[in-house]
Amino acid sequence: MSLFRKITLLLAIISIFLFSYRLMNENFDPLPNFIFYFLPVVFLLFGFENVKAKHRSEGFIYLLTFVIGFSIVIRDLFNLI
C-alpha cells in the first residue's frame, strides 16, 4: 500500500469519526467550513496517487482542483485575519 493511499485512508477514518460524532452530539462544531479546508488536501492526495499510477490526465485534473480549492482557502483565511 502506497503512502498516499495510507494517508487518504487515515483522512477517511478521521472524517467518519468526526461525522459520526457530529450525528451523536448536536453541539459539536469543529469548524464551520471544515469541508472546504479538508477537500483540497484530499484532491492533492488523489492527484499524486493518480499521477503516480500513470493516470496523468485524471491526476492533473485533481491537482488543478487542489490549486483552485487551496487558493480559495488561503484567500478566505487572510480575509478572517
PDB file of N, CA and C in Angstrom:
ATOM      1  N   MET A   1       0.853  -1.175   0.000  1.00  0.00           N
ATOM      2  CA  MET A   1       0.000   0.000   0.000  1.00  0.00           C
ATOM      3  C   MET A   1       0.897   1.236   0.000  1.00  0.00           C
ATOM      4  N   SER A   2       0.612   2.147  -0.897  1.00  0.00           N
ATOM      5  CA  SER A   2       1.457   3.334  -1.015  1.00  0.00           C
ATOM      6  C   SER A   2       1.171   4.322   0.114  1.00  0.00           C
ATOM      7  N   LEU A   3       2.093   5.240   0.295  1.00  0.00           N
ATOM      8  CA  LEU A   3       1.966   6.233   1.355  1.00  0.00           C
ATOM      9  C   LEU A   3       0.750   7.125   1.135  1.00  0.00           C
ATOM     10  N   PHE A   4       0.499   7.518  -0.114  1.00  0.00           N
ATOM     11  CA  PHE A   4      -0.652   8.366  -0.405  1.00  0.00           C
ATOM     12  C   PHE A   4      -1.950   7.654  -0.074  1.00  0.00           C
ATOM     13  N   ARG A   5      -2.022   6.376  -0.380  1.00  0.00           N
ATOM     14  CA  ARG A   5      -3.226   5.602  -0.080  1.00  0.00           C
ATOM     15  C   ARG A   5      -3.420   5.483   1.428  1.00  0.00           C
ATOM     16  N   LYS A   6      -2.331   5.329   2.185  1.00  0.00           N
ATOM     17  CA  LYS A   6      -2.435   5.242   3.643  1.00  0.00           C
ATOM     18  C   LYS A   6      -2.921   6.558   4.240  1.00  0.00           C
ATOM     19  N   ILE A   7      -2.393   7.675   3.734  1.00  0.00           N
ATOM     20  CA  ILE A   7      -2.815   8.986   4.246  1.00  0.00           C
ATOM     21  C   ILE A   7      -4.275   9.240   3.885  1.00  0.00           C
ATOM     22  N   THR A   8      -4.683   8.882   2.673  1.00  0.00           N
ATOM     23  CA  THR A   8      -6.070   9.052   2.262  1.00  0.00           C
ATOM     24  C   THR A   8      -6.989   8.203   3.132  1.00  0.00           C
ATOM     25  N   LEU A   9      -6.570   6.982   3.436  1.00  0.00           N
ATOM     26  CA  LEU A   9      -7.355   6.108   4.304  1.00  0.00           C
ATOM     27  C   LEU A   9      -7.462   6.694   5.710  1.00  0.00           C
ATOM     28  N   LEU A  10      -6.378   7.255   6.213  1.00  0.00           N
ATOM     29  CA  LEU A  10      -6.396   7.888   7.526  1.00  0.00           C
ATOM     30  C   LEU A  10      -7.348   9.079   7.543  1.00  0.00           C
ATOM     31  N   LEU A  11      -7.329   9.902   6.495  1.00  0.00           N
ATOM     32  CA  LEU A  11      -8.251  11.035   6.409  1.00  0.00           C
ATOM     33  C   LEU A  11      -9.699  10.567   6.338  1.00  0.00           C
ATOM     34  N   ALA A  12      -9.942   9.463   5.650  1.00  0.00           N
ATOM     35  CA  ALA A  12     -11.300   8.927   5.581  1.00  0.00           C
ATOM     36  C   ALA A  12     -11.770   8.445   6.953  1.00  0.00           C
ATOM     37  N   ILE A  13     -10.888   7.803   7.701  1.00  0.00           N
ATOM     38  CA  ILE A  13     -11.242   7.328   9.036  1.00  0.00           C
ATOM     39  C   ILE A  13     -11.513   8.511   9.965  1.00  0.00           C
ATOM     40  N   ILE A  14     -10.692   9.543   9.894  1.00  0.00           N
ATOM     41  CA  ILE A  14     -10.911  10.740  10.708  1.00  0.00           C
ATOM     42  C   ILE A  14     -12.243  11.379  10.334  1.00  0.00           C
ATOM     43  N   SER A  15     -12.564  11.431   9.053  1.00  0.00           N
ATOM     44  CA  SER A  15     -13.832  12.006   8.612  1.00  0.00           C
ATOM     45  C   SER A  15     -15.012  11.211   9.148  1.00  0.00           C
ATOM     46  N   ILE A  16     -14.920   9.899   9.079  1.00  0.00           N
ATOM     47  CA  ILE A  16     -16.000   9.057   9.598  1.00  0.00           C
ATOM     48  C   ILE A  16     -16.194   9.308  11.079  1.00  0.00           C
ATOM     49  N   PHE A  17     -15.094   9.425  11.823  1.00  0.00           N
ATOM     50  CA  PHE A  17     -15.178   9.699  13.254  1.00  0.00           C
ATOM     51  C   PHE A  17     -15.851  11.052  13.516  1.00  0.00           C
ATOM     52  N   LEU A  18     -15.412  12.092  12.810  1.00  0.00           N
ATOM     53  CA  LEU A  18     -15.981  13.424  13.019  1.00  0.00           C
ATOM     54  C   LEU A  18     -17.454  13.490  12.627  1.00  0.00           C
ATOM     55  N   PHE A  19     -17.809  12.873  11.520  1.00  0.00           N
ATOM     56  CA  PHE A  19     -19.202  12.895  11.086  1.00  0.00           C
ATOM     57  C   PHE A  19     -20.083  12.103  12.043  1.00  0.00           C
ATOM     58  N   SER A  20     -19.583  10.966  12.521  1.00  0.00           N
ATOM     59  CA  SER A  20     -20.352  10.165  13.482  1.00  0.00           C
ATOM     60  C   SER A  20     -20.539  10.908  14.790  1.00  0.00           C
ATOM     61  N   TYR A  21     -19.485  11.560  15.250  1.00  0.00           N
ATOM     62  CA  TYR A  21     -19.581  12.318  16.489  1.00  0.00           C
ATOM     63  C   TYR A  21     -20.545  13.490  16.325  1.00  0.00           C
ATOM     64  N   ARG A  22     -20.570  14.082  15.154  1.00  0.00           N
ATOM     65  CA  ARG A  22     -21.490  15.182  14.889  1.00  0.00           C
ATOM     66  C   ARG A  22     -22.932  14.692  14.911  1.00  0.00           C
ATOM     67  N   LEU A  23     -23.175  13.466  14.430  1.00  0.00           N
ATOM     68  CA  LEU A  23     -24.526  12.913  14.467  1.00  0.00           C
ATOM     69  C   LEU A  23     -24.984  12.652  15.897  1.00  0.00           C
ATOM     70  N   MET A  24     -24.069  12.272  16.774  1.00  0.00           N
ATOM     71  CA  MET A  24     -24.415  11.971  18.159  1.00  0.00           C
ATOM     72  C   MET A  24     -24.496  13.220  19.021  1.00  0.00           C
ATOM     73  N   ASN A  25     -23.725  14.243  18.717  1.00  0.00           N
ATOM     74  CA  ASN A  25     -23.646  15.432  19.545  1.00  0.00           C
ATOM     75  C   ASN A  25     -23.958  16.655  18.680  1.00  0.00           C
ATOM     76  N   GLU A  26     -25.124  17.205  18.860  1.00  0.00           N
ATOM     77  CA  GLU A  26     -25.552  18.348  18.043  1.00  0.00           C
ATOM     78  C   GLU A  26     -24.713  19.602  18.289  1.00  0.00           C
ATOM     79  N   ASN A  27     -24.103  19.728  19.456  1.00  0.00           N
ATOM     80  CA  ASN A  27     -23.336  20.926  19.792  1.00  0.00           C
ATOM     81  C   ASN A  27     -21.900  20.890  19.267  1.00  0.00           C
ATOM     82  N   PHE A  28     -21.485  19.770  18.706  1.00  0.00           N
ATOM     83  CA  PHE A  28     -20.120  19.635  18.196  1.00  0.00           C
ATOM     84  C   PHE A  28     -20.021  20.346  16.855  1.00  0.00           C
ATOM     85  N   ASP A  29     -19.149  21.348  16.796  1.00  0.00           N
ATOM     86  CA  ASP A  29     -18.933  22.099  15.564  1.00  0.00           C
ATOM     87  C   ASP A  29     -17.449  22.437  15.470  1.00  0.00           C
ATOM     88  N   PRO A  30     -16.627  21.519  14.882  1.00  0.00           N
ATOM     89  CA  PRO A  30     -15.177  21.723  14.890  1.00  0.00           C
ATOM     90  C   PRO A  30     -14.763  22.994  14.153  1.00  0.00           C
ATOM     91  N   LEU A  31     -15.232  23.151  12.966  1.00  0.00           N
ATOM     92  CA  LEU A  31     -15.011  24.361  12.168  1.00  0.00           C
ATOM     93  C   LEU A  31     -16.234  24.530  11.270  1.00  0.00           C
ATOM     94  N   PRO A  32     -16.711  25.729  11.138  1.00  0.00           N
ATOM     95  CA  PRO A  32     -17.897  25.909  10.286  1.00  0.00           C
ATOM     96  C   PRO A  32     -17.644  25.497   8.828  1.00  0.00           C
ATOM     97  N   ASN A  33     -16.470  25.773   8.319  1.00  0.00           N
ATOM     98  CA  ASN A  33     -16.151  25.454   6.924  1.00  0.00           C
ATOM     99  C   ASN A  33     -15.108  24.346   6.827  1.00  0.00           C
ATOM    100  N   PHE A  34     -15.214  23.358   7.687  1.00  0.00           N
ATOM    101  CA  PHE A  34     -14.236  22.285   7.743  1.00  0.00           C
ATOM    102  C   PHE A  34     -14.067  21.581   6.405  1.00  0.00           C
ATOM    103  N   ILE A  35     -15.163  21.362   5.705  1.00  0.00           N
ATOM    104  CA  ILE A  35     -15.092  20.624   4.447  1.00  0.00           C
ATOM    105  C   ILE A  35     -14.284  21.379   3.395  1.00  0.00           C
ATOM    106  N   PHE A  36     -14.323  22.711   3.439  1.00  0.00           N
ATOM    107  CA  PHE A  36     -13.567  23.481   2.455  1.00  0.00           C
ATOM    108  C   PHE A  36     -12.067  23.455   2.737  1.00  0.00           C
ATOM    109  N   TYR A  37     -11.695  23.220   3.984  1.00  0.00           N
ATOM    110  CA  TYR A  37     -10.274  23.065   4.315  1.00  0.00           C
ATOM    111  C   TYR A  37      -9.795  21.644   4.049  1.00  0.00           C
ATOM    112  N   PHE A  38     -10.696  20.710   4.148  1.00  0.00           N
ATOM    113  CA  PHE A  38     -10.360  19.302   4.050  1.00  0.00           C
ATOM    114  C   PHE A  38     -10.291  18.824   2.596  1.00  0.00           C
ATOM    115  N   LEU A  39     -11.193  19.282   1.763  1.00  0.00           N
ATOM    116  CA  LEU A  39     -11.263  18.801   0.384  1.00  0.00           C
ATOM    117  C   LEU A  39     -10.007  19.059  -0.441  1.00  0.00           C
ATOM    118  N   PRO A  40      -9.373  20.231  -0.372  1.00  0.00           N
ATOM    119  CA  PRO A  40      -8.156  20.398  -1.167  1.00  0.00           C
ATOM    120  C   PRO A  40      -7.058  19.393  -0.825  1.00  0.00           C
ATOM    121  N   VAL A  41      -6.952  19.019   0.435  1.00  0.00           N
ATOM    122  CA  VAL A  41      -5.943  18.023   0.823  1.00  0.00           C
ATOM    123  C   VAL A  41      -6.275  16.676   0.192  1.00  0.00           C
ATOM    124  N   VAL A  42      -7.536  16.320   0.187  1.00  0.00           N
ATOM    125  CA  VAL A  42      -7.947  15.055  -0.424  1.00  0.00           C
ATOM    126  C   VAL A  42      -7.678  15.077  -1.929  1.00  0.00           C
ATOM    127  N   PHE A  43      -7.989  16.192  -2.593  1.00  0.00           N
ATOM    128  CA  PHE A  43      -7.721  16.288  -4.032  1.00  0.00           C
ATOM    129  C   PHE A  43      -6.218  16.230  -4.323  1.00  0.00           C
ATOM    130  N   LEU A  44      -5.406  16.813  -3.458  1.00  0.00           N
ATOM    131  CA  LEU A  44      -3.953  16.743  -3.634  1.00  0.00           C
ATOM    132  C   LEU A  44      -3.481  15.294  -3.567  1.00  0.00           C
ATOM    133  N   LEU A  45      -3.958  14.554  -2.577  1.00  0.00           N
ATOM    134  CA  LEU A  45      -3.550  13.159  -2.438  1.00  0.00           C
ATOM    135  C   LEU A  45      -4.049  12.307  -3.602  1.00  0.00           C
ATOM    136  N   PHE A  46      -5.294  12.516  -4.031  1.00  0.00           N
ATOM    137  CA  PHE A  46      -5.813  11.788  -5.191  1.00  0.00           C
ATOM    138  C   PHE A  46      -5.002  12.121  -6.441  1.00  0.00           C
ATOM    139  N   GLY A  47      -4.626  13.376  -6.599  1.00  0.00           N
ATOM    140  CA  GLY A  47      -3.834  13.774  -7.757  1.00  0.00           C
ATOM    141  C   GLY A  47      -2.477  13.101  -7.780  1.00  0.00           C
ATOM    142  N   PHE A  48      -1.766  13.119  -6.644  1.00  0.00           N
ATOM    143  CA  PHE A  48      -0.469  12.451  -6.580  1.00  0.00           C
ATOM    144  C   PHE A  48      -0.595  10.959  -6.848  1.00  0.00           C
ATOM    145  N   GLU A  49      -1.623  10.355  -6.278  1.00  0.00           N
ATOM    146  CA  GLU A  49      -1.805   8.916  -6.452  1.00  0.00           C
ATOM    147  C   GLU A  49      -2.083   8.563  -7.908  1.00  0.00           C
ATOM    148  N   ASN A  50      -2.902   9.371  -8.594  1.00  0.00           N
ATOM    149  CA  ASN A  50      -3.218   9.088  -9.994  1.00  0.00           C
ATOM    150  C   ASN A  50      -2.040   9.366 -10.914  1.00  0.00           C
ATOM    151  N   VAL A  51      -1.281  10.414 -10.654  1.00  0.00           N
ATOM    152  CA  VAL A  51      -0.095  10.687 -11.475  1.00  0.00           C
ATOM    153  C   VAL A  51       0.915   9.564 -11.301  1.00  0.00           C
ATOM    154  N   LYS A  52       1.074   9.093 -10.074  1.00  0.00           N
ATOM    155  CA  LYS A  52       2.000   8.000  -9.805  1.00  0.00           C
ATOM    156  C   LYS A  52       1.550   6.699 -10.482  1.00  0.00           C
ATOM    157  N   ALA A  53       0.226   6.515 -10.597  1.00  0.00           N
ATOM    158  CA  ALA A  53      -0.320   5.294 -11.211  1.00  0.00           C
ATOM    159  C   ALA A  53      -0.442   5.420 -12.728  1.00  0.00           C
ATOM    160  N   LYS A  54       0.187   6.449 -13.300  1.00  0.00           N
ATOM    161  CA  LYS A  54       0.212   6.669 -14.756  1.00  0.00           C
ATOM    162  C   LYS A  54      -1.143   7.072 -15.331  1.00  0.00           C
ATOM    163  N   HIS A  55      -2.038   7.597 -14.512  1.00  0.00           N
ATOM    164  CA  HIS A  55      -3.294   8.162 -14.983  1.00  0.00           C
ATOM    165  C   HIS A  55      -3.122   9.675 -14.953  1.00  0.00           C
ATOM    166  N   ARG A  56      -2.276  10.160 -15.823  1.00  0.00           N
ATOM    167  CA  ARG A  56      -1.818  11.540 -15.745  1.00  0.00           C
ATOM    168  C   ARG A  56      -2.930  12.568 -15.948  1.00  0.00           C
ATOM    169  N   SER A  57      -3.791  12.367 -16.924  1.00  0.00           N
ATOM    170  CA  SER A  57      -4.819  13.383 -17.174  1.00  0.00           C
ATOM    171  C   SER A  57      -5.776  13.499 -15.990  1.00  0.00           C
ATOM    172  N   GLU A  58      -6.194  12.379 -15.442  1.00  0.00           N
ATOM    173  CA  GLU A  58      -7.060  12.410 -14.265  1.00  0.00           C
ATOM    174  C   GLU A  58      -6.328  13.004 -13.070  1.00  0.00           C
ATOM    175  N   GLY A  59      -5.060  12.668 -12.917  1.00  0.00           N
ATOM    176  CA  GLY A  59      -4.265  13.210 -11.823  1.00  0.00           C
ATOM    177  C   GLY A  59      -4.086  14.709 -11.922  1.00  0.00           C
ATOM    178  N   PHE A  60      -3.860  15.218 -13.133  1.00  0.00           N
ATOM    179  CA  PHE A  60      -3.686  16.660 -13.293  1.00  0.00           C
ATOM    180  C   PHE A  60      -4.997  17.418 -13.067  1.00  0.00           C
ATOM    181  N   ILE A  61      -6.121  16.794 -13.372  1.00  0.00           N
ATOM    182  CA  ILE A  61      -7.410  17.423 -13.066  1.00  0.00           C
ATOM    183  C   ILE A  61      -7.585  17.539 -11.557  1.00  0.00           C
ATOM    184  N   TYR A  62      -7.224  16.478 -10.816  1.00  0.00           N
ATOM    185  CA  TYR A  62      -7.278  16.543  -9.358  1.00  0.00           C
ATOM    186  C   TYR A  62      -6.323  17.614  -8.824  1.00  0.00           C
ATOM    187  N   LEU A  63      -5.134  17.695  -9.384  1.00  0.00           N
ATOM    188  CA  LEU A  63      -4.171  18.688  -8.917  1.00  0.00           C
ATOM    189  C   LEU A  63      -4.633  20.113  -9.243  1.00  0.00           C
ATOM    190  N   LEU A  64      -5.257  20.311 -10.387  1.00  0.00           N
ATOM    191  CA  LEU A  64      -5.817  21.616 -10.727  1.00  0.00           C
ATOM    192  C   LEU A  64      -6.936  21.979  -9.749  1.00  0.00           C
ATOM    193  N   THR A  65      -7.760  21.000  -9.405  1.00  0.00           N
ATOM    194  CA  THR A  65      -8.818  21.229  -8.425  1.00  0.00           C
ATOM    195  C   THR A  65      -8.228  21.582  -7.069  1.00  0.00           C
ATOM    196  N   PHE A  66      -7.117  20.935  -6.707  1.00  0.00           N
ATOM    197  CA  PHE A  66      -6.437  21.277  -5.455  1.00  0.00           C
ATOM    198  C   PHE A  66      -5.963  22.724  -5.476  1.00  0.00           C
ATOM    199  N   VAL A  67      -5.338  23.153  -6.565  1.00  0.00           N
ATOM    200  CA  VAL A  67      -4.805  24.519  -6.645  1.00  0.00           C
ATOM    201  C   VAL A  67      -5.936  25.536  -6.510  1.00  0.00           C
ATOM    202  N   ILE A  68      -7.048  25.299  -7.183  1.00  0.00           N
ATOM    203  CA  ILE A  68      -8.179  26.221  -7.101  1.00  0.00           C
ATOM    204  C   ILE A  68      -8.748  26.242  -5.683  1.00  0.00           C
ATOM    205  N   GLY A  69      -8.975  25.070  -5.119  1.00  0.00           N
ATOM    206  CA  GLY A  69      -9.528  24.994  -3.765  1.00  0.00           C
ATOM    207  C   GLY A  69      -8.596  25.570  -2.723  1.00  0.00           C
ATOM    208  N   PHE A  70      -7.311  25.295  -2.853  1.00  0.00           N
ATOM    209  CA  PHE A  70      -6.342  25.798  -1.884  1.00  0.00           C
ATOM    210  C   PHE A  70      -6.225  27.317  -1.959  1.00  0.00           C
ATOM    211  N   SER A  71      -6.297  27.866  -3.170  1.00  0.00           N
ATOM    212  CA  SER A  71      -6.223  29.322  -3.297  1.00  0.00           C
ATOM    213  C   SER A  71      -7.449  29.987  -2.660  1.00  0.00           C
ATOM    214  N   ILE A  72      -8.592  29.368  -2.770  1.00  0.00           N
ATOM    215  CA  ILE A  72      -9.803  29.909  -2.133  1.00  0.00           C
ATOM    216  C   ILE A  72      -9.679  29.839  -0.622  1.00  0.00           C
ATOM    217  N   VAL A  73      -9.148  28.731  -0.102  1.00  0.00           N
ATOM    218  CA  VAL A  73      -8.960  28.591   1.348  1.00  0.00           C
ATOM    219  C   VAL A  73      -7.984  29.642   1.864  1.00  0.00           C
ATOM    220  N   ILE A  74      -6.874  29.849   1.175  1.00  0.00           N
ATOM    221  CA  ILE A  74      -5.897  30.843   1.595  1.00  0.00           C
ATOM    222  C   ILE A  74      -6.511  32.242   1.557  1.00  0.00           C
ATOM    223  N   ARG A  75      -7.245  32.554   0.506  1.00  0.00           N
ATOM    224  CA  ARG A  75      -7.901  33.860   0.416  1.00  0.00           C
ATOM    225  C   ARG A  75      -8.866  34.068   1.572  1.00  0.00           C
ATOM    226  N   ASP A  76      -9.649  33.031   1.879  1.00  0.00           N
ATOM    227  CA  ASP A  76     -10.604  33.153   2.988  1.00  0.00           C
ATOM    228  C   ASP A  76      -9.911  33.279   4.331  1.00  0.00           C
ATOM    229  N   LEU A  77      -8.803  32.584   4.507  1.00  0.00           N
ATOM    230  CA  LEU A  77      -8.070  32.687   5.762  1.00  0.00           C
ATOM    231  C   LEU A  77      -7.495  34.089   5.969  1.00  0.00           C
ATOM    232  N   PHE A  78      -7.014  34.701   4.900  1.00  0.00           N
ATOM    233  CA  PHE A  78      -6.472  36.055   5.023  1.00  0.00           C
ATOM    234  C   PHE A  78      -7.585  37.085   5.225  1.00  0.00           C
ATOM    235  N   ASN A  79      -8.783  36.788   4.749  1.00  0.00           N
ATOM    236  CA  ASN A  79      -9.909  37.690   4.998  1.00  0.00           C
ATOM    237  C   ASN A  79     -10.375  37.621   6.441  1.00  0.00           C
ATOM    238  N   LEU A  80     -10.113  36.502   7.124  1.00  0.00           N
ATOM    239  CA  LEU A  80     -10.505  36.366   8.527  1.00  0.00           C
ATOM    240  C   LEU A  80      -9.596  37.130   9.458  1.00  0.00           C
ATOM    241  N   ILE A  81      -8.353  37.329   9.030  1.00  0.00           N
ATOM    242  CA  ILE A  81      -7.367  37.990   9.913  1.00  0.00           C
ATOM    243  C   ILE A  81      -7.594  39.475   9.965  1.00  0.00           C
TER     244      ILE A  81
END
